[in-house]
Every structure is written in structure tokens, then in C-alpha cells.
Amino acid sequence: MTTLRMGRLIPVAAPLLFGACANPNFGAYFNTYYNIQQLVRRIEKLEREGDTLRLKPKYDSLELKAAYLIKYYPNSKYLPDAIFYLGLAFSRKGEYEKAAEKFREFLTYFPNHPLAERARIELARVYALDPRFRDRVLDALGDVRTNEALYWLAYARHKSGDNEAAARYLSQMRDLKPDDPLYRKYLLLGVDVYLALKDFRKAEEFLERYLALDLKPSERKLAEEKRGDLLMMMGKYDEALKVYTSIDLPPNSEDAGRVAFKVAKIRLVEGDTAGALKELEKVEKSSSEYKWDAMLLIGRLKILQGDYNGAAIMFDRVFKNAPDRWKERAYQIKLILDEWKRLKFLKEPYHIYRRAEILYFYLGKTEAAESLWTYVADSLKDSTYAPKALYALIYINLLRGDTAKALIFKERLRDEYPKSGLYPIVSKLLGI
């Protein structure tokens, strides 16, 4: 956390004495502000030390004290400070909507307050960390362009997939020193941004600068993970696996889940489905947000193995328990599986044709889909779905690069269904 400048909250001695005589509640009033000052100083110290276990109760305490001031001293000249620190407490606890509301309230009513620039940066941080609001970071900052402001702009653009813009913001950060708490975050973000841009030289440069710092064990483990990321992106899968599997992480932790998900991806690239499933099950048991991605992937692997019921159960679990951005993806594939189960034993031409569509476009079973489309084209020639099946066979053969076979199906479409509107579409769009 950047210095919070709590010192300004303490009035000078003479006004204190006068206020104490005039207001019998002044002692409680002063003590609350003094306690906030001391609390914020302890929070800053713990954040610099990375002591996350002791920080959460401090954030809870900051929320209570700031809310107390707002409720019982609404006419105080320190009301803006209380609103700001209540927003800060919400932000650090991950309650981003509440935090954003307080920072917006602060900036609306106290735009010229000494903490206004800090509030803009904190609002930008909240928006950057919440996927729903990342497009608002620039507006939140206004004309503020400190290094921290540029960092959150870069972070938001990276998380939104615009890594070229993220790199531009990173390049504008100036005069960062190794003892600046922002310096380490800047280097790690640089690694991720340049990996995404496939600028491996630049990514390695940022990583080496980070490794040159006096790192705590947890920071060094994170750096090793980044090294594994670099090796994986470069296609050096065996080396990446050695790095990932050498990192000692607490079982079922967020970090362990994230690394296991990366190992699973390598196993899949290598064709080791069983090994991938074993790693994905570790992710599922972890506290990592990757658990939902892992469960979706487990479901898809079960589909490839023909375990449709097992897949449906997995997607249903994601739909019932995951946050919204995973819930929708699970619901879509769950609907497809439900449709598949309804159609599986029905024999009408439409049912067979639709089963082939589901197999090909949603379940990844090309050969099974091709077999069904061939059956419709060869054995159900009187149905309206026979020419559509020929069109589908043209399509999949073109995608696999078998132009000669695609031409055979094109000629069949022309000869067997001369009045079909599909033939001119094939001729025009596919150019064969």
C-alpha cells in the first residue's frame, strides 16, 4: 500500500484543548481518530512485510472504526477521511463493489481533498481487480499518471487481453527503485505481459531482474513458477515440467492449484490424458479460481472418453456452484449434453443429423459425426437432411485439407439434389 498520510488527521494542541472543554464526547472522538492513525501505520508495516495472516483482522478493524466515525460524527471535518478509509478497508478485503461506492462518494463530494488523488488510484485499483469494471480504470484515474496509476492501467489492459497497450503503460513507468513496493509487482506484471506478447527475451529480462532481488521464499517460488511459464511458452515442455514439479507448495492451496493446472495443460499437449486428469483433480480440490476451469476441462475429457453422464454431473456442479463467468459456459454445454441424451436413441433423419452436429461442433468427436452424416447422405436420400449432410461432409473434408474428397461430395450434391439451394452456396463460398 502506498503511504496513507494519516498524520494530517491529528489537530494541533490548542484546538484540542479548546474542543475538549466544549465537547464532553471529545475524548472518544479524538481516540477514534488516533486509533485509526495507529492502525493504518500497522497495516502499512504488515503489507510491506507481506504478513497476510495478520492483515485481515486489521482490515476488519479499520472498517469498524471508519464506519463508527461516519455514523456518530457525521458533521466532523474528518468525515472525508473516514469515507476514504472505509473504502480502503472494503478494497483490501476484496469487497470491490462496496469499495468503489465509497471512493466514488469521496470523489463526488470532496474532489479537492488532499486524499483525492489517492482515492482515484484506489478506485482504479478496485476496477482493475474486478473483471466487470476493467474498462473504467482510465476514467477513474482522470489525469493522474503516477507510476502506481500506470501500473493499474497496465494490469487492467493485460487482464483484458490488450497486452500491447499494457506494455506501453509499463514503458511509461519511470524511476522505480528496488526498495519501492511497486517495483516487484511491476517486474512480475512485465513477465506476464511480454510472455503474452511472445517477447521471450523481454520476459526473461524482467524475470532475471526480479530474481536478483532479495526474495522471500514465497516470492522465489512465484519466480520459479514464472520461469516454468516462460519455458512452457517457448515449447520446452520437459524443462517446464521439471520446474513446476520442483516447487514445494502447500497441498490444496491456491498456488498449488494454479501450478497443477499448468502441469495438466502440458500433459494434454503430450497426449497424456490420464496424467492430465490426475492434475486437474488436484486443481478441483484446491482453493484456486482455476478449479472451475479444471472442472470444465474434466467434463470435456469425460466426453472424449464417452462418459457423458460423468461429464453432465461435472458441468452441473460448475453451474450450481461457480461464479457467473463459469456458470454460463457450464450451462451451455450442459444443455447440449441434455439434448444429446434425448436424441441418442431417436431414429428420425433430423435426430440423426443433429446428433452428428453435436458430436462434431460440441463434443469433439469428428469420426463419429462423419459416420452419422455419411449414413444420412447414403441411406436417407429422400429426407431433407441428406443434402445438408453432404454439405457437412464437404465442410469437414475441406477443414482437414482433403480437397479431392470434398469435390466428390460436391459433385454428389449437384447430381443428386440439383434443386438444392446448398449447391450454389458451396460453389460460391468454398471456391471449389
Protein backbone atom coordinates (compact mmCIF):
# COMPACT_ATOMS: atom_id res chain seq x y z
CA MET A 1 0.00 0.00 0.00
CA THR A 2 1.34 3.47 -0.81
CA THR A 3 1.79 5.68 2.27
CA LEU A 4 -1.62 6.74 3.52
CA ARG A 5 -0.55 10.03 5.13
CA MET A 6 -2.59 9.64 8.29
CA GLY A 7 -0.59 12.31 10.13
CA ARG A 8 -2.87 15.06 8.87
CA LEU A 9 -5.70 13.68 10.99
CA ILE A 10 -4.16 14.93 14.27
CA PRO A 11 -5.23 18.50 15.13
CA VAL A 12 -2.76 20.90 16.74
CA ALA A 13 -2.64 21.17 20.52
CA ALA A 14 -4.58 24.40 21.13
CA PRO A 15 -7.70 23.37 19.20
CA LEU A 16 -7.54 20.06 21.02
CA LEU A 17 -7.70 21.71 24.41
CA PHE A 18 -10.50 24.06 23.37
CA GLY A 19 -12.51 21.21 21.85
CA ALA A 20 -12.04 19.07 24.94
CA CYS A 21 -13.64 21.77 27.10
CA ALA A 22 -16.53 22.40 24.70
CA ASN A 23 -17.42 18.82 23.84
CA PRO A 24 -17.80 16.14 26.55
CA ASN A 25 -17.57 13.41 23.87
CA PHE A 26 -14.32 14.77 22.53
CA GLY A 27 -12.20 12.11 24.21
CA ALA A 28 -13.93 9.31 22.33
CA TYR A 29 -13.85 11.39 19.15
CA PHE A 30 -10.10 12.03 19.39
CA ASN A 31 -9.27 8.48 20.46
CA THR A 32 -11.08 7.03 17.45
CA TYR A 33 -9.00 9.13 15.06
CA TYR A 34 -5.82 8.40 16.94
CA ASN A 35 -6.61 4.67 16.81
CA ILE A 36 -7.18 4.86 13.04
CA GLN A 37 -3.80 6.57 12.65
CA GLN A 38 -2.04 3.86 14.60
CA LEU A 39 -3.98 1.10 12.83
CA VAL A 40 -3.11 2.36 9.35
CA ARG A 41 0.56 2.54 10.30
CA ARG A 42 0.43 -1.10 11.43
CA ILE A 43 -1.34 -2.08 8.20
CA GLU A 44 1.33 -0.35 6.11
CA LYS A 45 4.05 -2.19 8.01
CA LEU A 46 2.38 -5.60 7.64
CA GLU A 47 1.78 -5.01 3.93
CA ARG A 48 5.45 -4.17 3.41
CA GLU A 49 6.36 -7.38 5.23
CA GLY A 50 3.77 -9.41 3.30
CA ASP A 51 2.18 -10.68 6.52
CA THR A 52 -1.20 -11.63 5.03
CA LEU A 53 -2.34 -13.70 8.03
CA ARG A 54 -2.28 -10.73 10.39
CA LEU A 55 -3.65 -8.26 7.87
CA LYS A 56 -7.25 -9.44 7.55
CA PRO A 57 -8.28 -8.66 11.15
CA LYS A 58 -6.63 -5.26 10.76
CA TYR A 59 -8.77 -4.52 7.70
CA ASP A 60 -11.85 -5.60 9.67
CA SER A 61 -10.87 -3.26 12.46
CA LEU A 62 -10.27 -0.38 10.03
CA GLU A 63 -13.76 -0.92 8.57
CA LEU A 64 -15.37 -0.83 12.01
CA LYS A 65 -13.56 2.30 13.16
CA ALA A 66 -14.18 4.23 9.95
CA ALA A 67 -17.88 3.24 9.94
CA TYR A 68 -18.13 4.31 13.60
CA LEU A 69 -16.85 7.78 12.76
CA ILE A 70 -19.24 8.18 9.85
CA LYS A 71 -22.21 7.10 11.97
CA TYR A 72 -21.51 9.03 15.18
CA TYR A 73 -19.62 12.08 13.90
CA PRO A 74 -21.29 12.89 10.54
CA ASN A 75 -20.52 16.62 10.88
CA SER A 76 -16.84 16.13 11.62
CA LYS A 77 -14.30 17.81 9.38
CA TYR A 78 -12.66 14.39 9.18
CA LEU A 79 -15.70 12.79 7.55
CA PRO A 80 -13.88 12.63 4.14
CA ASP A 81 -11.01 10.72 5.76
CA ALA A 82 -13.42 8.24 7.31
CA ILE A 83 -15.17 7.63 3.97
CA PHE A 84 -11.80 7.14 2.26
CA TYR A 85 -10.57 4.62 4.84
CA LEU A 86 -13.84 2.73 4.82
CA GLY A 87 -13.40 2.35 1.05
CA LEU A 88 -9.82 1.25 1.64
CA ALA A 89 -10.91 -1.41 4.12
CA PHE A 90 -13.51 -2.77 1.69
CA SER A 91 -10.95 -2.76 -1.13
CA ARG A 92 -8.31 -4.69 0.80
CA LYS A 93 -10.91 -7.25 1.87
CA GLY A 94 -11.88 -7.83 -1.77
CA GLU A 95 -15.33 -6.26 -1.41
CA TYR A 96 -14.86 -4.29 -4.60
CA GLU A 97 -18.39 -3.02 -5.20
CA LYS A 98 -18.59 -1.54 -1.70
CA ALA A 99 -15.11 -0.06 -2.08
CA ALA A 100 -15.92 1.53 -5.43
CA GLU A 101 -19.10 3.05 -3.98
CA LYS A 102 -17.14 4.71 -1.16
CA PHE A 103 -14.35 6.03 -3.38
CA ARG A 104 -16.89 7.43 -5.86
CA GLU A 105 -18.75 9.05 -2.96
CA PHE A 106 -15.49 10.58 -1.71
CA LEU A 107 -14.57 11.97 -5.15
CA THR A 108 -18.06 13.32 -5.75
CA TYR A 109 -18.26 15.34 -2.52
CA PHE A 110 -14.58 16.04 -1.83
CA PRO A 111 -12.85 16.36 -5.24
CA ASN A 112 -10.24 18.83 -3.94
CA HIS A 113 -9.39 16.98 -0.74
CA PRO A 114 -5.68 16.14 -0.19
CA LEU A 115 -6.62 12.42 -0.45
CA ALA A 116 -8.43 12.86 -3.79
CA GLU A 117 -5.52 11.68 -5.95
CA ARG A 118 -5.05 8.69 -3.66
CA ALA A 119 -8.77 7.94 -3.93
CA ARG A 120 -8.56 7.99 -7.73
CA ILE A 121 -5.72 5.48 -7.69
CA GLU A 122 -7.54 3.26 -5.18
CA LEU A 123 -10.71 3.39 -7.32
CA ALA A 124 -8.63 2.44 -10.37
CA ARG A 125 -7.16 -0.47 -8.39
CA VAL A 126 -10.66 -1.70 -7.47
CA TYR A 127 -11.81 -1.51 -11.10
CA ALA A 128 -8.66 -3.26 -12.34
CA LEU A 129 -9.09 -6.16 -9.91
CA ASP A 130 -12.79 -6.66 -10.67
CA PRO A 131 -13.26 -8.19 -14.16
CA ARG A 132 -16.62 -6.45 -14.56
CA PHE A 133 -15.17 -2.95 -14.38
CA ARG A 134 -11.76 -3.05 -16.04
CA ASP A 135 -12.87 -0.74 -18.82
CA ARG A 136 -13.41 2.01 -16.21
CA VAL A 137 -9.83 2.26 -14.93
CA LEU A 138 -8.85 5.11 -17.24
CA ASP A 139 -11.93 7.15 -16.32
CA ALA A 140 -11.31 6.56 -12.61
CA LEU A 141 -7.79 7.99 -12.84
CA GLY A 142 -8.71 11.13 -14.75
CA ASP A 143 -5.41 12.90 -15.41
CA VAL A 144 -3.48 11.08 -12.65
CA ARG A 145 -0.43 9.36 -14.17
CA THR A 146 1.80 8.36 -11.28
CA ASN A 147 3.74 5.11 -11.52
CA GLU A 148 1.03 3.37 -9.49
CA ALA A 149 -1.67 4.73 -11.80
CA LEU A 150 0.25 3.47 -14.84
CA TYR A 151 0.68 0.09 -13.17
CA TRP A 152 -3.07 -0.36 -12.72
CA LEU A 153 -3.70 0.76 -16.27
CA ALA A 154 -1.19 -1.86 -17.48
CA TYR A 155 -2.68 -4.51 -15.20
CA ALA A 156 -6.23 -3.87 -16.43
CA ARG A 157 -5.21 -3.94 -20.09
CA HIS A 158 -3.24 -7.17 -19.59
CA LYS A 159 -6.18 -8.88 -17.86
CA SER A 160 -8.45 -7.68 -20.68
CA GLY A 161 -6.13 -9.20 -23.30
CA ASP A 162 -4.72 -5.96 -24.73
CA ASN A 163 -1.08 -6.66 -23.96
CA GLU A 164 0.30 -4.16 -26.43
CA ALA A 165 -1.43 -1.37 -24.51
CA ALA A 166 -0.23 -2.94 -21.24
CA ALA A 167 3.36 -2.87 -22.50
CA ARG A 168 3.01 0.81 -23.46
CA TYR A 169 1.86 1.72 -19.96
CA LEU A 170 4.67 -0.30 -18.38
CA SER A 171 7.21 1.52 -20.56
CA GLN A 172 5.97 4.87 -19.21
CA MET A 173 6.78 3.97 -15.60
CA ARG A 174 9.87 5.87 -14.51
CA ASP A 175 12.45 5.93 -11.71
CA LEU A 176 11.22 2.84 -9.89
CA LYS A 177 13.74 1.71 -7.29
CA PRO A 178 14.18 -1.84 -5.97
CA ASP A 179 13.09 -0.71 -2.48
CA ASP A 180 9.77 0.60 -3.84
CA PRO A 181 6.99 -1.95 -3.06
CA LEU A 182 5.61 -1.32 -6.55
CA TYR A 183 8.88 -2.42 -8.19
CA ARG A 184 8.32 -6.15 -7.62
CA LYS A 185 4.75 -6.02 -8.85
CA TYR A 186 5.92 -4.10 -11.92
CA LEU A 187 8.52 -6.77 -12.76
CA LEU A 188 6.10 -9.68 -12.35
CA LEU A 189 3.46 -7.97 -14.47
CA GLY A 190 6.14 -7.29 -17.09
CA VAL A 191 6.93 -11.02 -17.23
CA ASP A 192 3.26 -11.86 -17.84
CA VAL A 193 2.73 -9.10 -20.41
CA TYR A 194 5.78 -9.99 -22.50
CA LEU A 195 5.01 -13.70 -22.27
CA ALA A 196 1.57 -12.95 -23.68
CA LEU A 197 3.24 -10.95 -26.47
CA LYS A 198 5.67 -13.87 -27.03
CA ASP A 199 8.56 -11.48 -26.49
CA PHE A 200 10.54 -14.11 -24.59
CA ARG A 201 13.75 -12.07 -24.43
CA LYS A 202 11.97 -9.20 -22.69
CA ALA A 203 10.06 -11.56 -20.39
CA GLU A 204 13.31 -13.24 -19.34
CA GLU A 205 14.91 -9.85 -18.74
CA PHE A 206 12.11 -8.87 -16.33
CA LEU A 207 12.30 -12.26 -14.62
CA GLU A 208 16.06 -12.04 -14.08
CA ARG A 209 15.69 -8.57 -12.58
CA TYR A 210 13.11 -9.98 -10.19
CA LEU A 211 15.30 -12.96 -9.26
CA ALA A 212 18.17 -10.56 -8.50
CA LEU A 213 16.17 -9.08 -5.61
CA ASP A 214 16.35 -10.27 -2.01
CA LEU A 215 13.31 -12.53 -2.24
CA LYS A 216 11.34 -14.25 0.47
CA PRO A 217 10.74 -18.00 -0.01
CA SER A 218 7.17 -17.39 -1.22
CA GLU A 219 8.42 -14.80 -3.73
CA ARG A 220 11.11 -17.13 -5.01
CA LYS A 221 8.53 -19.88 -5.54
CA LEU A 222 6.46 -17.45 -7.58
CA ALA A 223 9.54 -16.55 -9.63
CA GLU A 224 10.19 -20.22 -10.31
CA GLU A 225 6.61 -20.60 -11.47
CA LYS A 226 7.16 -17.70 -13.88
CA ARG A 227 10.27 -19.48 -15.15
CA GLY A 228 8.14 -22.53 -15.82
CA ASP A 229 5.66 -20.31 -17.68
CA LEU A 230 8.46 -18.96 -19.84
CA LEU A 231 9.74 -22.44 -20.68
CA MET A 232 6.22 -23.71 -21.44
CA MET A 233 5.51 -20.75 -23.75
CA MET A 234 8.78 -21.47 -25.56
CA GLY A 235 7.66 -25.08 -26.14
CA LYS A 236 10.22 -26.55 -23.73
CA TYR A 237 7.67 -28.76 -22.02
CA ASP A 238 10.02 -31.22 -20.31
CA GLU A 239 12.02 -28.39 -18.74
CA ALA A 240 8.84 -26.59 -17.70
CA LEU A 241 7.53 -29.75 -16.03
CA LYS A 242 10.77 -30.13 -14.05
CA VAL A 243 10.43 -26.56 -12.81
CA TYR A 244 6.74 -26.78 -11.93
CA THR A 245 7.04 -30.12 -10.12
CA SER A 246 10.06 -28.92 -8.13
CA ILE A 247 8.11 -26.09 -6.47
CA ASP A 248 7.11 -27.06 -2.93
CA LEU A 249 3.60 -25.72 -2.37
CA PRO A 250 1.02 -26.48 0.35
CA PRO A 251 -1.47 -29.11 -0.90
CA ASN A 252 -4.87 -27.76 -1.95
CA SER A 253 -3.64 -24.17 -1.73
CA GLU A 254 -4.44 -21.55 -4.34
CA ASP A 255 -0.83 -21.63 -5.60
CA ALA A 256 -0.76 -25.43 -5.79
CA GLY A 257 -3.98 -25.45 -7.79
CA ARG A 258 -2.70 -22.87 -10.25
CA VAL A 259 0.55 -24.76 -10.87
CA ALA A 260 -1.25 -28.11 -11.17
CA PHE A 261 -3.49 -26.60 -13.85
CA LYS A 262 -0.40 -25.62 -15.86
CA VAL A 263 1.05 -29.11 -15.47
CA ALA A 264 -2.26 -30.55 -16.69
CA LYS A 265 -2.10 -28.40 -19.83
CA ILE A 266 1.37 -29.77 -20.60
CA ARG A 267 0.15 -33.34 -20.04
CA LEU A 268 -2.63 -32.72 -22.55
CA VAL A 269 -0.20 -31.34 -25.12
CA GLU A 270 1.86 -34.50 -24.67
CA GLY A 271 -1.26 -36.65 -25.13
CA ASP A 272 -1.19 -37.94 -21.55
CA THR A 273 -4.92 -37.71 -20.77
CA ALA A 274 -4.68 -39.82 -17.61
CA GLY A 275 -1.87 -37.64 -16.26
CA ALA A 276 -3.83 -34.51 -17.11
CA LEU A 277 -6.92 -35.78 -15.27
CA LYS A 278 -4.82 -36.55 -12.20
CA GLU A 279 -3.52 -32.96 -12.12
CA LEU A 280 -6.95 -31.49 -12.82
CA GLU A 281 -8.37 -33.40 -9.85
CA LYS A 282 -5.75 -31.66 -7.69
CA VAL A 283 -6.90 -28.31 -9.05
CA GLU A 284 -10.52 -29.21 -8.31
CA LYS A 285 -9.67 -29.81 -4.65
CA SER A 286 -7.70 -26.57 -4.32
CA SER A 287 -8.80 -23.05 -3.40
CA SER A 288 -7.58 -21.72 -6.75
CA GLU A 289 -10.06 -20.00 -9.05
CA TYR A 290 -8.67 -22.34 -11.71
CA LYS A 291 -10.75 -25.08 -10.10
CA TRP A 292 -13.73 -24.07 -12.25
CA ASP A 293 -11.68 -24.16 -15.44
CA ALA A 294 -10.34 -27.53 -14.32
CA MET A 295 -13.84 -28.90 -13.74
CA LEU A 296 -14.98 -27.72 -17.18
CA LEU A 297 -11.93 -29.39 -18.71
CA ILE A 298 -12.55 -32.60 -16.75
CA GLY A 299 -16.07 -32.60 -18.16
CA ARG A 300 -14.78 -32.25 -21.72
CA LEU A 301 -12.25 -35.04 -21.20
CA LYS A 302 -15.03 -37.28 -19.90
CA ILE A 303 -16.95 -36.52 -23.10
CA LEU A 304 -13.96 -37.61 -25.19
CA GLN A 305 -13.86 -40.83 -23.16
CA GLY A 306 -17.57 -41.40 -23.84
CA ASP A 307 -18.58 -40.82 -20.21
CA TYR A 308 -21.47 -38.46 -20.96
CA ASN A 309 -23.18 -38.95 -17.61
CA GLY A 310 -19.96 -38.18 -15.74
CA ALA A 311 -19.49 -35.08 -17.89
CA ALA A 312 -23.05 -33.92 -17.25
CA ILE A 313 -22.53 -34.28 -13.48
CA MET A 314 -19.34 -32.20 -13.65
CA PHE A 315 -20.94 -29.41 -15.69
CA ASP A 316 -23.93 -29.41 -13.36
CA ARG A 317 -21.63 -28.91 -10.37
CA VAL A 318 -19.99 -25.94 -12.05
CA PHE A 319 -23.37 -24.49 -12.98
CA LYS A 320 -24.67 -24.77 -9.41
CA ASN A 321 -21.57 -23.58 -7.55
CA ALA A 322 -19.30 -21.45 -9.77
CA PRO A 323 -19.34 -17.66 -10.18
CA ASP A 324 -21.29 -16.31 -13.15
CA ARG A 325 -18.49 -16.23 -15.72
CA TRP A 326 -18.05 -20.01 -15.41
CA LYS A 327 -21.71 -20.74 -14.82
CA GLU A 328 -22.75 -19.63 -18.32
CA ARG A 329 -20.14 -21.80 -20.04
CA ALA A 330 -21.20 -24.82 -17.97
CA TYR A 331 -24.87 -24.19 -18.69
CA GLN A 332 -24.32 -24.09 -22.46
CA ILE A 333 -22.53 -27.42 -22.61
CA LYS A 334 -24.98 -28.90 -20.08
CA LEU A 335 -27.85 -28.03 -22.44
CA ILE A 336 -26.02 -29.72 -25.30
CA LEU A 337 -25.47 -32.86 -23.23
CA ASP A 338 -29.11 -32.91 -22.19
CA GLU A 339 -30.10 -32.62 -25.86
CA TRP A 340 -27.65 -35.39 -26.74
CA LYS A 341 -29.20 -37.72 -24.20
CA ARG A 342 -32.69 -37.01 -25.57
CA LEU A 343 -31.62 -37.61 -29.18
CA LYS A 344 -29.32 -40.55 -28.59
CA PHE A 345 -31.82 -43.32 -29.37
CA LEU A 346 -34.20 -41.47 -31.73
CA LYS A 347 -34.13 -42.55 -35.39
CA GLU A 348 -35.74 -39.77 -37.44
CA PRO A 349 -33.44 -38.10 -40.04
CA TYR A 350 -33.39 -34.83 -38.09
CA HIS A 351 -32.40 -36.63 -34.88
CA ILE A 352 -29.50 -38.40 -36.58
CA TYR A 353 -28.35 -35.25 -38.37
CA ARG A 354 -28.49 -33.21 -35.14
CA ARG A 355 -26.59 -35.89 -33.23
CA ALA A 356 -23.80 -35.55 -35.81
CA GLU A 357 -23.80 -31.76 -35.30
CA ILE A 358 -23.47 -32.15 -31.56
CA LEU A 359 -20.72 -34.73 -31.92
CA TYR A 360 -18.72 -32.55 -34.27
CA PHE A 361 -19.24 -28.99 -33.05
CA TYR A 362 -19.61 -29.53 -29.29
CA LEU A 363 -18.18 -32.89 -28.26
CA GLY A 364 -15.11 -33.01 -30.49
CA LYS A 365 -15.85 -36.43 -31.98
CA THR A 366 -15.16 -35.88 -35.69
CA GLU A 367 -15.11 -39.52 -36.80
CA ALA A 368 -18.43 -40.35 -35.12
CA ALA A 369 -20.03 -37.24 -36.62
CA GLU A 370 -18.68 -38.07 -40.09
CA SER A 371 -20.09 -41.59 -39.82
CA LEU A 372 -23.58 -40.28 -38.99
CA TRP A 373 -23.54 -37.66 -41.76
CA THR A 374 -22.42 -40.35 -44.22
CA TYR A 375 -25.31 -42.55 -43.09
CA VAL A 376 -27.81 -39.72 -43.66
CA ALA A 377 -26.34 -38.90 -47.09
CA ASP A 378 -26.23 -42.54 -48.24
CA SER A 379 -29.24 -44.16 -46.60
CA LEU A 380 -31.76 -41.36 -46.08
CA LYS A 381 -31.64 -39.80 -49.55
CA ASP A 382 -35.32 -38.91 -49.57
CA SER A 383 -35.07 -36.75 -46.46
CA THR A 384 -34.46 -33.01 -46.45
CA TYR A 385 -31.37 -33.65 -44.32
CA ALA A 386 -29.47 -35.69 -46.95
CA PRO A 387 -28.22 -32.61 -48.91
CA LYS A 388 -27.35 -30.93 -45.60
CA ALA A 389 -25.32 -34.00 -44.66
CA LEU A 390 -23.42 -33.77 -47.96
CA TYR A 391 -22.74 -30.11 -47.25
CA ALA A 392 -21.39 -31.06 -43.81
CA LEU A 393 -19.12 -33.71 -45.37
CA ILE A 394 -17.77 -31.13 -47.82
CA TYR A 395 -17.07 -28.80 -44.90
CA ILE A 396 -15.18 -31.24 -42.68
CA ASN A 397 -13.07 -32.58 -45.57
CA LEU A 398 -12.06 -29.08 -46.58
CA LEU A 399 -11.02 -28.33 -42.99
CA ARG A 400 -8.83 -31.41 -42.86
CA GLY A 401 -7.28 -30.45 -46.23
CA ASP A 402 -8.78 -33.30 -48.30
CA THR A 403 -9.95 -31.22 -51.27
CA ALA A 404 -10.32 -34.25 -53.56
CA LYS A 405 -12.83 -35.90 -51.22
CA ALA A 406 -14.67 -32.61 -50.73
CA LEU A 407 -15.04 -32.35 -54.53
CA ILE A 408 -16.60 -35.83 -54.67
CA PHE A 409 -19.29 -34.77 -52.18
CA LYS A 410 -19.79 -31.51 -54.09
CA GLU A 411 -20.48 -33.44 -57.29
CA ARG A 412 -22.91 -35.70 -55.43
CA LEU A 413 -24.73 -32.65 -54.10
CA ARG A 414 -25.01 -31.27 -57.64
CA ASP A 415 -26.11 -34.56 -59.24
CA GLU A 416 -28.43 -35.91 -56.52
CA TYR A 417 -30.06 -32.63 -55.45
CA PRO A 418 -29.91 -30.26 -58.45
CA LYS A 419 -32.66 -28.07 -56.98
CA SER A 420 -30.99 -27.71 -53.59
CA GLY A 421 -30.08 -24.18 -52.66
CA LEU A 422 -26.93 -25.51 -50.99
CA TYR A 423 -25.06 -26.23 -54.23
CA PRO A 424 -24.59 -22.59 -55.35
CA ILE A 425 -23.58 -21.71 -51.78
CA VAL A 426 -20.90 -24.40 -51.85
CA SER A 427 -19.66 -23.25 -55.26
CA LYS A 428 -19.57 -19.58 -54.27
CA LEU A 429 -18.32 -19.69 -50.71
CA LEU A 430 -15.90 -22.60 -50.82
CA GLY A 431 -14.48 -21.89 -54.27
CA ILE A 432 -14.20 -25.50 -55.44
